[in-house]
Amino acid sequence: MRYRTLVFGVDGATFEVIDPLVAAGKMPALAGLMARGVRAGLRSTCPPVSAPAWTTFLTGKQPGKHGVFCFQNFDARHYSGFSETLVNSSYFRGKTLLDHAAEAAPIRTLSYRIPMTYPPWDIPNGVVVSGFPLPDRRQTYVRPAEAAAELGPASPLSYDETAAAMKTLDVATLEASNRVELEGLERAVGRYLARGFELVIGFTGIPDTLHHGFWAFHDAASPLHDPAAPSGARTASSRTAARVVSGLVRAWIFSRQARARRDTSRSSSLAAACNAGTAGAPRATSSSPAFSRTSNDSSPRRLTSRRDFSTAAGSACCLAR
């Protein structure tokens, strides 16, 4: 019997938001998975930042071994302690679970927008769609390159447009962009699961982005809480969490049912890995330009004019068969 597995990563997801939604009946698919499976909190990496955390997820190594400690390299020549060059997939050491899966057996894999996977690399029988940091968040960077045609654009908003919408609390613009991104995620995950890929990993960082901008409006205990904030700002985090997780679980269930009707020799399982951020903490933002370097181009390339140094505090996981 060949097993198929879906792993979905939700950066910034936390049971602090998920549990009340489940209790209110707004996430019935996830509620069912947690009831039939296992849920638990996980210890994050040290430091608890998304860049090393997701690199650890990919490689199984702690930051001291894979070499990624933040989105920038340490550089004592700068007052911040970090260089202005963003690290990418060419910086970390060690093979990823995608590489191991391809070497161990003819396993077909999809890696969809996991952080630290730009630039993408070739995986036998696999598709790697790069996640942030990216030169342009609107573009789809993928190997093999021909997969880009069916995946479509990544997002309608650039980094600067997203930052502007966050600054002005333009929830409508952000939610319109999020819908496009989530539809693309659900479409890609569902498509490759339906094709019988044995390992499919889907990722979104939308909750983390919203928490950085709106957690203070959601959390009455935050020192930055504003009870007079618009209702859209106060509920942005919880509404998006429900959409993100429910959409991914829906894609898994539908593809599982479709495969079951055609093939009874396979078994499916699902794992959810959620990197939960300290979104309630005040943000320390730098106006220094950030850059990314591709594996075949040694010249720096401007990525975005703003960086957010808020860190992740922990993670959560649930498993179901």
C-alpha atoms as a PDB file:
ATOM      1  CA  MET A   1       0.000   0.000   0.000  1.00  0.00           C
ATOM      2  CA  ARG A   2       1.327   3.445  -0.939  1.00  0.00           C
ATOM      3  CA  TYR A   3       0.640   6.280   1.460  1.00  0.00           C
ATOM      4  CA  ARG A   4      -0.142   9.835   0.446  1.00  0.00           C
ATOM      5  CA  THR A   5       0.434  12.747   2.812  1.00  0.00           C
ATOM      6  CA  LEU A   6      -0.639  16.381   2.830  1.00  0.00           C
ATOM      7  CA  VAL A   7       1.267  18.768   5.070  1.00  0.00           C
ATOM      8  CA  PHE A   8       0.030  22.320   5.297  1.00  0.00           C
ATOM      9  CA  GLY A   9       1.945  25.075   6.985  1.00  0.00           C
ATOM     10  CA  VAL A  10       0.233  28.213   8.260  1.00  0.00           C
ATOM     11  CA  ASP A  11       2.682  30.864   9.395  1.00  0.00           C
ATOM     12  CA  GLY A  12       1.303  32.796  12.350  1.00  0.00           C
ATOM     13  CA  ALA A  13      -1.546  30.372  13.085  1.00  0.00           C
ATOM     14  CA  THR A  14      -2.175  29.785  16.772  1.00  0.00           C
ATOM     15  CA  PHE A  15      -4.673  27.768  18.782  1.00  0.00           C
ATOM     16  CA  GLU A  16      -5.428  31.015  20.610  1.00  0.00           C
ATOM     17  CA  VAL A  17      -7.345  32.003  17.477  1.00  0.00           C
ATOM     18  CA  ILE A  18      -8.236  28.551  16.137  1.00  0.00           C
ATOM     19  CA  ASP A  19      -9.798  27.098  19.307  1.00  0.00           C
ATOM     20  CA  PRO A  20     -12.500  29.802  19.689  1.00  0.00           C
ATOM     21  CA  LEU A  21     -13.352  29.435  15.985  1.00  0.00           C
ATOM     22  CA  VAL A  22     -13.637  25.656  16.340  1.00  0.00           C
ATOM     23  CA  ALA A  23     -15.815  26.078  19.469  1.00  0.00           C
ATOM     24  CA  ALA A  24     -18.068  28.481  17.552  1.00  0.00           C
ATOM     25  CA  GLY A  25     -18.565  25.922  14.785  1.00  0.00           C
ATOM     26  CA  LYS A  26     -16.738  28.039  12.174  1.00  0.00           C
ATOM     27  CA  MET A  27     -14.063  25.423  11.394  1.00  0.00           C
ATOM     28  CA  PRO A  28     -15.922  22.074  11.291  1.00  0.00           C
ATOM     29  CA  ALA A  29     -13.424  20.373   8.945  1.00  0.00           C
ATOM     30  CA  LEU A  30     -10.466  21.112  11.210  1.00  0.00           C
ATOM     31  CA  ALA A  31     -12.549  20.232  14.280  1.00  0.00           C
ATOM     32  CA  GLY A  32     -13.176  16.804  12.784  1.00  0.00           C
ATOM     33  CA  LEU A  33      -9.507  16.264  11.980  1.00  0.00           C
ATOM     34  CA  MET A  34      -8.445  17.201  15.506  1.00  0.00           C
ATOM     35  CA  ALA A  35     -11.110  14.947  17.009  1.00  0.00           C
ATOM     36  CA  ARG A  36      -9.953  11.945  14.945  1.00  0.00           C
ATOM     37  CA  GLY A  37      -6.241  12.717  15.155  1.00  0.00           C
ATOM     38  CA  VAL A  38      -3.708  14.320  17.504  1.00  0.00           C
ATOM     39  CA  ARG A  39      -3.076  17.971  18.326  1.00  0.00           C
ATOM     40  CA  ALA A  40      -0.215  19.436  20.315  1.00  0.00           C
ATOM     41  CA  GLY A  41       1.991  22.434  20.842  1.00  0.00           C
ATOM     42  CA  LEU A  42       5.553  22.187  19.553  1.00  0.00           C
ATOM     43  CA  ARG A  43       8.757  23.809  20.736  1.00  0.00           C
ATOM     44  CA  SER A  44      10.056  26.243  18.138  1.00  0.00           C
ATOM     45  CA  THR A  45      13.634  26.826  17.051  1.00  0.00           C
ATOM     46  CA  CYS A  46      16.129  29.092  18.793  1.00  0.00           C
ATOM     47  CA  PRO A  47      15.806  31.820  17.744  1.00  0.00           C
ATOM     48  CA  PRO A  48      12.027  31.439  17.247  1.00  0.00           C
ATOM     49  CA  VAL A  49      11.918  33.180  13.865  1.00  0.00           C
ATOM     50  CA  SER A  50      10.138  31.988  10.716  1.00  0.00           C
ATOM     51  CA  ALA A  51      13.297  31.757   8.556  1.00  0.00           C
ATOM     52  CA  PRO A  52      15.180  29.255  10.762  1.00  0.00           C
ATOM     53  CA  ALA A  53      11.951  27.524  11.851  1.00  0.00           C
ATOM     54  CA  TRP A  54      10.849  26.614   8.317  1.00  0.00           C
ATOM     55  CA  THR A  55      14.410  25.715   7.318  1.00  0.00           C
ATOM     56  CA  THR A  56      14.426  23.321  10.284  1.00  0.00           C
ATOM     57  CA  PHE A  57      11.102  21.919   9.073  1.00  0.00           C
ATOM     58  CA  LEU A  58      12.657  21.278   5.661  1.00  0.00           C
ATOM     59  CA  THR A  59      16.012  19.884   6.776  1.00  0.00           C
ATOM     60  CA  GLY A  60      15.370  18.373  10.205  1.00  0.00           C
ATOM     61  CA  LYS A  61      18.414  20.300  11.475  1.00  0.00           C
ATOM     62  CA  GLN A  62      18.583  22.959  14.171  1.00  0.00           C
ATOM     63  CA  PRO A  63      19.784  26.457  13.134  1.00  0.00           C
ATOM     64  CA  GLY A  64      23.338  25.804  14.327  1.00  0.00           C
ATOM     65  CA  LYS A  65      23.604  23.033  11.754  1.00  0.00           C
ATOM     66  CA  HIS A  66      21.657  24.420   8.800  1.00  0.00           C
ATOM     67  CA  GLY A  67      23.114  27.919   9.274  1.00  0.00           C
ATOM     68  CA  VAL A  68      19.974  30.104   9.085  1.00  0.00           C
ATOM     69  CA  PHE A  69      19.216  32.237  12.147  1.00  0.00           C
ATOM     70  CA  CYS A  70      17.151  35.059  10.667  1.00  0.00           C
ATOM     71  CA  PHE A  71      16.099  36.423   7.286  1.00  0.00           C
ATOM     72  CA  GLN A  72      19.444  38.250   7.186  1.00  0.00           C
ATOM     73  CA  ASN A  73      22.953  37.025   7.977  1.00  0.00           C
ATOM     74  CA  PHE A  74      24.640  38.246  11.137  1.00  0.00           C
ATOM     75  CA  ASP A  75      27.013  41.125  10.408  1.00  0.00           C
ATOM     76  CA  ALA A  76      28.724  42.926  13.302  1.00  0.00           C
ATOM     77  CA  ARG A  77      29.653  45.819  11.004  1.00  0.00           C
ATOM     78  CA  HIS A  78      26.015  46.988  11.066  1.00  0.00           C
ATOM     79  CA  TYR A  79      24.380  48.597  14.086  1.00  0.00           C
ATOM     80  CA  SER A  80      21.397  46.216  13.774  1.00  0.00           C
ATOM     81  CA  GLY A  81      23.719  43.213  13.862  1.00  0.00           C
ATOM     82  CA  PHE A  82      22.401  41.996  10.495  1.00  0.00           C
ATOM     83  CA  SER A  83      23.451  42.484   6.898  1.00  0.00           C
ATOM     84  CA  GLU A  84      21.130  44.021   4.325  1.00  0.00           C
ATOM     85  CA  THR A  85      21.223  40.834   2.242  1.00  0.00           C
ATOM     86  CA  LEU A  86      18.411  38.353   2.715  1.00  0.00           C
ATOM     87  CA  VAL A  87      19.338  34.701   2.937  1.00  0.00           C
ATOM     88  CA  ASN A  88      17.756  32.221   0.535  1.00  0.00           C
ATOM     89  CA  SER A  89      17.767  28.537  -0.371  1.00  0.00           C
ATOM     90  CA  SER A  90      21.377  28.676  -1.506  1.00  0.00           C
ATOM     91  CA  TYR A  91      22.510  29.604   2.027  1.00  0.00           C
ATOM     92  CA  PHE A  92      21.338  26.718   4.209  1.00  0.00           C
ATOM     93  CA  ARG A  93      23.178  23.422   4.657  1.00  0.00           C
ATOM     94  CA  GLY A  94      21.722  19.947   4.452  1.00  0.00           C
ATOM     95  CA  LYS A  95      19.316  18.115   2.212  1.00  0.00           C
ATOM     96  CA  THR A  96      15.591  18.742   2.564  1.00  0.00           C
ATOM     97  CA  LEU A  97      12.856  16.184   3.075  1.00  0.00           C
ATOM     98  CA  LEU A  98      11.976  16.767  -0.603  1.00  0.00           C
ATOM     99  CA  ASP A  99      15.451  15.638  -1.660  1.00  0.00           C
ATOM    100  CA  HIS A 100      15.359  12.626   0.643  1.00  0.00           C
ATOM    101  CA  ALA A 101      11.920  11.582  -0.606  1.00  0.00           C
ATOM    102  CA  ALA A 102      13.095  11.758  -4.215  1.00  0.00           C
ATOM    103  CA  GLU A 103      16.209   9.698  -3.458  1.00  0.00           C
ATOM    104  CA  ALA A 104      14.552   7.057  -1.290  1.00  0.00           C
ATOM    105  CA  ALA A 105      11.743   6.150  -3.693  1.00  0.00           C
ATOM    106  CA  PRO A 106       9.984   7.463  -6.798  1.00  0.00           C
ATOM    107  CA  ILE A 107       7.819   9.720  -4.663  1.00  0.00           C
ATOM    108  CA  ARG A 108       6.105  12.623  -6.400  1.00  0.00           C
ATOM    109  CA  THR A 109       6.197  15.795  -4.332  1.00  0.00           C
ATOM    110  CA  LEU A 110       4.782  19.316  -4.381  1.00  0.00           C
ATOM    111  CA  SER A 111       6.325  22.027  -2.213  1.00  0.00           C
ATOM    112  CA  TYR A 112       4.072  25.087  -2.420  1.00  0.00           C
ATOM    113  CA  ARG A 113       5.533  28.391  -1.189  1.00  0.00           C
ATOM    114  CA  ILE A 114       7.408  27.157   1.891  1.00  0.00           C
ATOM    115  CA  PRO A 115       9.637  29.994   3.151  1.00  0.00           C
ATOM    116  CA  MET A 116      13.325  29.899   2.273  1.00  0.00           C
ATOM    117  CA  THR A 117      12.789  27.960  -0.983  1.00  0.00           C
ATOM    118  CA  TYR A 118      13.810  30.777  -3.350  1.00  0.00           C
ATOM    119  CA  PRO A 119      15.459  30.222  -5.713  1.00  0.00           C
ATOM    120  CA  PRO A 120      13.703  26.894  -6.427  1.00  0.00           C
ATOM    121  CA  TRP A 121      15.756  23.838  -7.333  1.00  0.00           C
ATOM    122  CA  ASP A 122      15.079  20.714  -9.362  1.00  0.00           C
ATOM    123  CA  ILE A 123      13.660  17.703  -7.515  1.00  0.00           C
ATOM    124  CA  PRO A 124      13.193  14.414  -9.411  1.00  0.00           C
ATOM    125  CA  ASN A 125       9.457  13.800  -9.797  1.00  0.00           C
ATOM    126  CA  GLY A 126       8.837  17.000  -7.850  1.00  0.00           C
ATOM    127  CA  VAL A 127       7.557  20.554  -8.150  1.00  0.00           C
ATOM    128  CA  VAL A 128       9.063  23.333  -5.998  1.00  0.00           C
ATOM    129  CA  VAL A 129       7.133  26.623  -5.867  1.00  0.00           C
ATOM    130  CA  SER A 130       9.222  29.218  -4.036  1.00  0.00           C
ATOM    131  CA  GLY A 131       8.030  30.950  -0.885  1.00  0.00           C
ATOM    132  CA  PHE A 132       9.151  34.218   0.682  1.00  0.00           C
ATOM    133  CA  PRO A 133      11.468  36.079   0.675  1.00  0.00           C
ATOM    134  CA  LEU A 134      11.004  36.655  -3.059  1.00  0.00           C
ATOM    135  CA  PRO A 135      12.242  39.358  -5.428  1.00  0.00           C
ATOM    136  CA  ASP A 136       8.604  40.052  -6.375  1.00  0.00           C
ATOM    137  CA  ARG A 137       5.759  38.539  -4.341  1.00  0.00           C
ATOM    138  CA  ARG A 138       3.443  38.797  -7.341  1.00  0.00           C
ATOM    139  CA  GLN A 139       5.510  36.407  -9.445  1.00  0.00           C
ATOM    140  CA  THR A 140       5.547  32.605  -9.349  1.00  0.00           C
ATOM    141  CA  TYR A 141       9.046  31.120  -9.177  1.00  0.00           C
ATOM    142  CA  VAL A 142       8.919  27.366  -9.769  1.00  0.00           C
ATOM    143  CA  ARG A 143      10.895  24.358 -10.920  1.00  0.00           C
ATOM    144  CA  PRO A 144      10.231  22.851 -13.363  1.00  0.00           C
ATOM    145  CA  ALA A 145       9.598  26.196 -15.059  1.00  0.00           C
ATOM    146  CA  GLU A 146       6.739  24.878 -17.213  1.00  0.00           C
ATOM    147  CA  ALA A 147       4.584  24.418 -14.082  1.00  0.00           C
ATOM    148  CA  ALA A 148       4.262  28.214 -13.812  1.00  0.00           C
ATOM    149  CA  ALA A 149       1.664  28.305 -16.590  1.00  0.00           C
ATOM    150  CA  GLU A 150      -0.896  26.273 -14.640  1.00  0.00           C
ATOM    151  CA  LEU A 151      -0.124  27.832 -11.271  1.00  0.00           C
ATOM    152  CA  GLY A 152      -0.658  31.439 -12.356  1.00  0.00           C
ATOM    153  CA  PRO A 153       0.502  34.604 -10.554  1.00  0.00           C
ATOM    154  CA  ALA A 154       1.178  34.422  -6.840  1.00  0.00           C
ATOM    155  CA  SER A 155      -0.516  37.634  -5.675  1.00  0.00           C
ATOM    156  CA  PRO A 156      -2.033  40.835  -7.078  1.00  0.00           C
ATOM    157  CA  LEU A 157      -0.128  43.062  -4.623  1.00  0.00           C
ATOM    158  CA  SER A 158       3.555  43.959  -4.505  1.00  0.00           C
ATOM    159  CA  TYR A 159       5.472  44.265  -1.227  1.00  0.00           C
ATOM    160  CA  ASP A 160       5.094  48.035  -1.220  1.00  0.00           C
ATOM    161  CA  GLU A 161       1.355  47.842  -2.025  1.00  0.00           C
ATOM    162  CA  THR A 162       0.840  45.341   0.793  1.00  0.00           C
ATOM    163  CA  ALA A 163       2.784  47.534   3.230  1.00  0.00           C
ATOM    164  CA  ALA A 164       0.734  50.577   2.227  1.00  0.00           C
ATOM    165  CA  ALA A 165      -2.549  48.710   2.768  1.00  0.00           C
ATOM    166  CA  MET A 166      -1.351  47.527   6.184  1.00  0.00           C
ATOM    167  CA  LYS A 167      -0.320  51.029   7.212  1.00  0.00           C
ATOM    168  CA  THR A 168      -3.693  52.542   6.274  1.00  0.00           C
ATOM    169  CA  LEU A 169      -5.702  49.577   7.661  1.00  0.00           C
ATOM    170  CA  ASP A 170      -7.115  48.970   4.195  1.00  0.00           C
ATOM    171  CA  VAL A 171      -8.687  45.633   5.099  1.00  0.00           C
ATOM    172  CA  ALA A 172     -10.742  45.403   1.892  1.00  0.00           C
ATOM    173  CA  THR A 173      -7.649  45.566  -0.349  1.00  0.00           C
ATOM    174  CA  LEU A 174      -5.786  43.043   1.778  1.00  0.00           C
ATOM    175  CA  GLU A 175      -8.694  40.611   1.865  1.00  0.00           C
ATOM    176  CA  ALA A 176      -9.155  40.829  -1.908  1.00  0.00           C
ATOM    177  CA  SER A 177      -5.472  39.962  -2.334  1.00  0.00           C
ATOM    178  CA  ASN A 178      -5.711  37.182   0.243  1.00  0.00           C
ATOM    179  CA  ARG A 179      -8.625  35.608  -1.603  1.00  0.00           C
ATOM    180  CA  VAL A 180      -6.553  35.401  -4.781  1.00  0.00           C
ATOM    181  CA  GLU A 181      -3.637  33.845  -2.908  1.00  0.00           C
ATOM    182  CA  LEU A 182      -5.822  31.328  -1.067  1.00  0.00           C
ATOM    183  CA  GLU A 183      -7.667  30.327  -4.225  1.00  0.00           C
ATOM    184  CA  GLY A 184      -4.316  29.671  -5.876  1.00  0.00           C
ATOM    185  CA  LEU A 185      -3.155  27.636  -2.881  1.00  0.00           C
ATOM    186  CA  GLU A 186      -6.320  25.560  -2.710  1.00  0.00           C
ATOM    187  CA  ARG A 187      -6.289  25.025  -6.483  1.00  0.00           C
ATOM    188  CA  ALA A 188      -2.655  23.879  -6.539  1.00  0.00           C
ATOM    189  CA  VAL A 189      -2.985  21.590  -3.514  1.00  0.00           C
ATOM    190  CA  GLY A 190      -6.201  20.044  -4.807  1.00  0.00           C
ATOM    191  CA  ARG A 191      -4.809  19.572  -8.315  1.00  0.00           C
ATOM    192  CA  TYR A 192      -1.643  17.757  -7.256  1.00  0.00           C
ATOM    193  CA  LEU A 193      -3.438  15.651  -4.672  1.00  0.00           C
ATOM    194  CA  ALA A 194      -5.959  14.622  -7.302  1.00  0.00           C
ATOM    195  CA  ARG A 195      -3.072  13.604  -9.564  1.00  0.00           C
ATOM    196  CA  GLY A 196      -1.945  11.180  -6.892  1.00  0.00           C
ATOM    197  CA  PHE A 197       1.198  12.953  -5.682  1.00  0.00           C
ATOM    198  CA  GLU A 198       2.417  11.079  -2.610  1.00  0.00           C
ATOM    199  CA  LEU A 199       3.681  14.123  -0.686  1.00  0.00           C
ATOM    200  CA  VAL A 200       2.034  17.534  -0.993  1.00  0.00           C
ATOM    201  CA  ILE A 201       3.113  20.450   1.200  1.00  0.00           C
ATOM    202  CA  GLY A 202       1.086  23.656   1.025  1.00  0.00           C
ATOM    203  CA  PHE A 203       1.986  26.861   2.842  1.00  0.00           C
ATOM    204  CA  THR A 204       0.566  30.316   3.453  1.00  0.00           C
ATOM    205  CA  GLY A 205       1.932  33.218   5.476  1.00  0.00           C
ATOM    206  CA  ILE A 206      -1.256  35.295   5.341  1.00  0.00           C
ATOM    207  CA  PRO A 207      -2.152  34.942   9.054  1.00  0.00           C
ATOM    208  CA  ASP A 208       1.354  36.002  10.083  1.00  0.00           C
ATOM    209  CA  THR A 209       1.184  39.090   7.867  1.00  0.00           C
ATOM    210  CA  LEU A 210      -2.198  40.070   9.279  1.00  0.00           C
ATOM    211  CA  HIS A 211      -1.133  39.435  12.880  1.00  0.00           C
ATOM    212  CA  HIS A 212       1.796  41.822  12.482  1.00  0.00           C
ATOM    213  CA  GLY A 213      -0.585  44.538  11.353  1.00  0.00           C
ATOM    214  CA  PHE A 214      -3.841  43.770  13.179  1.00  0.00           C
ATOM    215  CA  TRP A 215      -3.192  41.612  16.269  1.00  0.00           C
ATOM    216  CA  ALA A 216      -3.293  44.641  18.539  1.00  0.00           C
ATOM    217  CA  PHE A 217      -6.872  45.308  17.393  1.00  0.00           C
ATOM    218  CA  HIS A 218      -7.844  41.658  17.975  1.00  0.00           C
ATOM    219  CA  ASP A 219      -6.222  41.197  21.392  1.00  0.00           C
ATOM    220  CA  ALA A 220      -7.671  43.348  24.176  1.00  0.00           C
ATOM    221  CA  ALA A 221      -4.635  42.540  26.340  1.00  0.00           C
ATOM    222  CA  SER A 222      -2.204  44.076  23.861  1.00  0.00           C
ATOM    223  CA  PRO A 223      -0.641  47.374  25.017  1.00  0.00           C
ATOM    224  CA  LEU A 224      -1.405  48.686  21.509  1.00  0.00           C
ATOM    225  CA  HIS A 225      -5.075  47.667  21.609  1.00  0.00           C
ATOM    226  CA  ASP A 226      -7.496  50.252  20.263  1.00  0.00           C
ATOM    227  CA  PRO A 227     -11.131  49.442  21.144  1.00  0.00           C
ATOM    228  CA  ALA A 228     -12.280  52.137  18.712  1.00  0.00           C
ATOM    229  CA  ALA A 229     -10.612  50.461  15.740  1.00  0.00           C
ATOM    230  CA  PRO A 230     -12.866  49.520  12.798  1.00  0.00           C
ATOM    231  CA  SER A 231     -14.530  46.113  13.184  1.00  0.00           C
ATOM    232  CA  GLY A 232     -12.791  44.891  10.013  1.00  0.00           C
ATOM    233  CA  ALA A 233      -9.394  45.467  11.634  1.00  0.00           C
ATOM    234  CA  ARG A 234     -10.461  43.768  14.889  1.00  0.00           C
ATOM    235  CA  THR A 235     -11.707  40.610  13.158  1.00  0.00           C
ATOM    236  CA  ALA A 236      -9.173  40.346  10.298  1.00  0.00           C
ATOM    237  CA  SER A 237      -7.057  37.697  12.036  1.00  0.00           C
ATOM    238  CA  SER A 238      -9.884  35.337  12.998  1.00  0.00           C
ATOM    239  CA  ARG A 239     -11.721  35.610   9.672  1.00  0.00           C
ATOM    240  CA  THR A 240      -8.598  34.798   7.706  1.00  0.00           C
ATOM    241  CA  ALA A 241      -7.611  31.871   9.951  1.00  0.00           C
ATOM    242  CA  ALA A 242     -10.958  30.245   9.246  1.00  0.00           C
ATOM    243  CA  ARG A 243     -10.597  30.738   5.479  1.00  0.00           C
ATOM    244  CA  VAL A 244      -7.002  29.505   5.320  1.00  0.00           C
ATOM    245  CA  VAL A 245      -7.349  26.277   7.255  1.00  0.00           C
ATOM    246  CA  SER A 246     -10.830  25.391   6.003  1.00  0.00           C
ATOM    247  CA  GLY A 247      -9.764  25.871   2.376  1.00  0.00           C
ATOM    248  CA  LEU A 248      -6.769  23.566   2.707  1.00  0.00           C
ATOM    249  CA  VAL A 249      -8.705  20.896   4.577  1.00  0.00           C
ATOM    250  CA  ARG A 250     -11.453  21.104   1.967  1.00  0.00           C
ATOM    251  CA  ALA A 251      -8.930  20.510  -0.824  1.00  0.00           C
ATOM    252  CA  TRP A 252      -7.579  17.473   1.019  1.00  0.00           C
ATOM    253  CA  ILE A 253     -11.015  15.967   1.670  1.00  0.00           C
ATOM    254  CA  PHE A 254     -12.276  16.476  -1.884  1.00  0.00           C
ATOM    255  CA  SER A 255      -9.130  15.021  -3.463  1.00  0.00           C
ATOM    256  CA  ARG A 256      -9.194  12.093  -1.041  1.00  0.00           C
ATOM    257  CA  GLN A 257     -12.777  11.283  -1.967  1.00  0.00           C
ATOM    258  CA  ALA A 258     -11.975  11.538  -5.677  1.00  0.00           C
ATOM    259  CA  ARG A 259      -8.984   9.211  -5.366  1.00  0.00           C
ATOM    260  CA  ALA A 260     -10.913   6.760  -3.189  1.00  0.00           C
ATOM    261  CA  ARG A 261     -13.464   6.283  -5.944  1.00  0.00           C
ATOM    262  CA  ARG A 262     -10.688   5.341  -8.392  1.00  0.00           C
ATOM    263  CA  ASP A 263      -7.997   3.712  -6.256  1.00  0.00           C
ATOM    264  CA  THR A 264      -8.458   1.667  -3.076  1.00  0.00           C
ATOM    265  CA  SER A 265      -4.760   0.713  -2.771  1.00  0.00           C
ATOM    266  CA  ARG A 266      -3.717   3.997  -1.170  1.00  0.00           C
ATOM    267  CA  SER A 267      -4.064   5.490   2.282  1.00  0.00           C
ATOM    268  CA  SER A 268      -3.982   9.203   3.056  1.00  0.00           C
ATOM    269  CA  SER A 269      -2.862  11.237   6.043  1.00  0.00           C
ATOM    270  CA  LEU A 270      -2.672  14.920   6.898  1.00  0.00           C
ATOM    271  CA  ALA A 271      -0.326  16.934   9.061  1.00  0.00           C
ATOM    272  CA  ALA A 272      -0.740  20.617   9.908  1.00  0.00           C
ATOM    273  CA  ALA A 273       2.271  22.602  11.061  1.00  0.00           C
ATOM    274  CA  CYS A 274       1.525  26.087  12.323  1.00  0.00           C
ATOM    275  CA  ASN A 275       4.222  28.605  13.192  1.00  0.00           C
ATOM    276  CA  ALA A 276       2.672  30.893  15.809  1.00  0.00           C
ATOM    277  CA  GLY A 277       4.045  34.417  16.040  1.00  0.00           C
ATOM    278  CA  THR A 278       4.262  37.010  18.794  1.00  0.00           C
ATOM    279  CA  ALA A 279       1.997  39.279  16.812  1.00  0.00           C
ATOM    280  CA  GLY A 280       0.920  41.246  19.867  1.00  0.00           C
ATOM    281  CA  ALA A 281       4.397  42.661  20.465  1.00  0.00           C
ATOM    282  CA  PRO A 282       5.257  46.131  19.161  1.00  0.00           C
ATOM    283  CA  ARG A 283       7.042  45.997  15.842  1.00  0.00           C
ATOM    284  CA  ALA A 284      10.624  47.133  15.237  1.00  0.00           C
ATOM    285  CA  THR A 285      10.768  48.195  11.623  1.00  0.00           C
ATOM    286  CA  SER A 286      13.825  49.155   9.607  1.00  0.00           C
ATOM    287  CA  SER A 287      13.782  51.457   6.604  1.00  0.00           C
ATOM    288  CA  SER A 288      17.006  49.965   5.226  1.00  0.00           C
ATOM    289  CA  PRO A 289      16.676  48.352   1.800  1.00  0.00           C
ATOM    290  CA  ALA A 290      16.775  44.551   1.711  1.00  0.00           C
ATOM    291  CA  PHE A 291      18.203  42.432  -1.042  1.00  0.00           C
ATOM    292  CA  SER A 292      18.092  38.867  -2.310  1.00  0.00           C
ATOM    293  CA  ARG A 293      20.657  36.987  -4.358  1.00  0.00           C
ATOM    294  CA  THR A 294      19.818  34.238  -6.829  1.00  0.00           C
ATOM    295  CA  SER A 295      21.961  31.136  -7.116  1.00  0.00           C
ATOM    296  CA  ASN A 296      23.137  32.054 -10.611  1.00  0.00           C
ATOM    297  CA  ASP A 297      23.500  35.798 -10.110  1.00  0.00           C
ATOM    298  CA  SER A 298      25.991  37.208  -7.625  1.00  0.00           C
ATOM    299  CA  SER A 299      24.632  40.749  -7.859  1.00  0.00           C
ATOM    300  CA  PRO A 300      22.193  41.881  -5.137  1.00  0.00           C
ATOM    301  CA  ARG A 301      18.617  42.563  -6.131  1.00  0.00           C
ATOM    302  CA  ARG A 302      16.243  44.926  -4.326  1.00  0.00           C
ATOM    303  CA  LEU A 303      13.474  43.016  -2.605  1.00  0.00           C
ATOM    304  CA  THR A 304      11.530  45.498  -0.488  1.00  0.00           C
ATOM    305  CA  SER A 305      12.080  48.748   1.342  1.00  0.00           C
ATOM    306  CA  ARG A 306      10.732  47.596   4.715  1.00  0.00           C
ATOM    307  CA  ARG A 307      11.548  44.648   6.974  1.00  0.00           C
ATOM    308  CA  ASP A 308       9.612  43.467  10.005  1.00  0.00           C
ATOM    309  CA  PHE A 309      11.676  41.919  12.779  1.00  0.00           C
ATOM    310  CA  SER A 310       8.803  40.569  14.914  1.00  0.00           C
ATOM    311  CA  THR A 311       9.578  36.980  15.812  1.00  0.00           C
ATOM    312  CA  ALA A 312       7.724  33.711  16.090  1.00  0.00           C
ATOM    313  CA  ALA A 313       7.046  32.313  19.543  1.00  0.00           C
ATOM    314  CA  GLY A 314       6.164  28.711  18.950  1.00  0.00           C
ATOM    315  CA  SER A 315       4.258  26.298  16.782  1.00  0.00           C
ATOM    316  CA  ALA A 316       1.345  23.916  16.819  1.00  0.00           C
ATOM    317  CA  CYS A 317       0.638  20.652  15.080  1.00  0.00           C
ATOM    318  CA  CYS A 318      -2.286  18.348  14.432  1.00  0.00           C
ATOM    319  CA  LEU A 319      -2.225  14.987  12.676  1.00  0.00           C
ATOM    320  CA  ALA A 320      -5.005  12.888  11.180  1.00  0.00           C
ATOM    321  CA  ARG A 321      -5.350   9.847   8.948  1.00  0.00           C
END
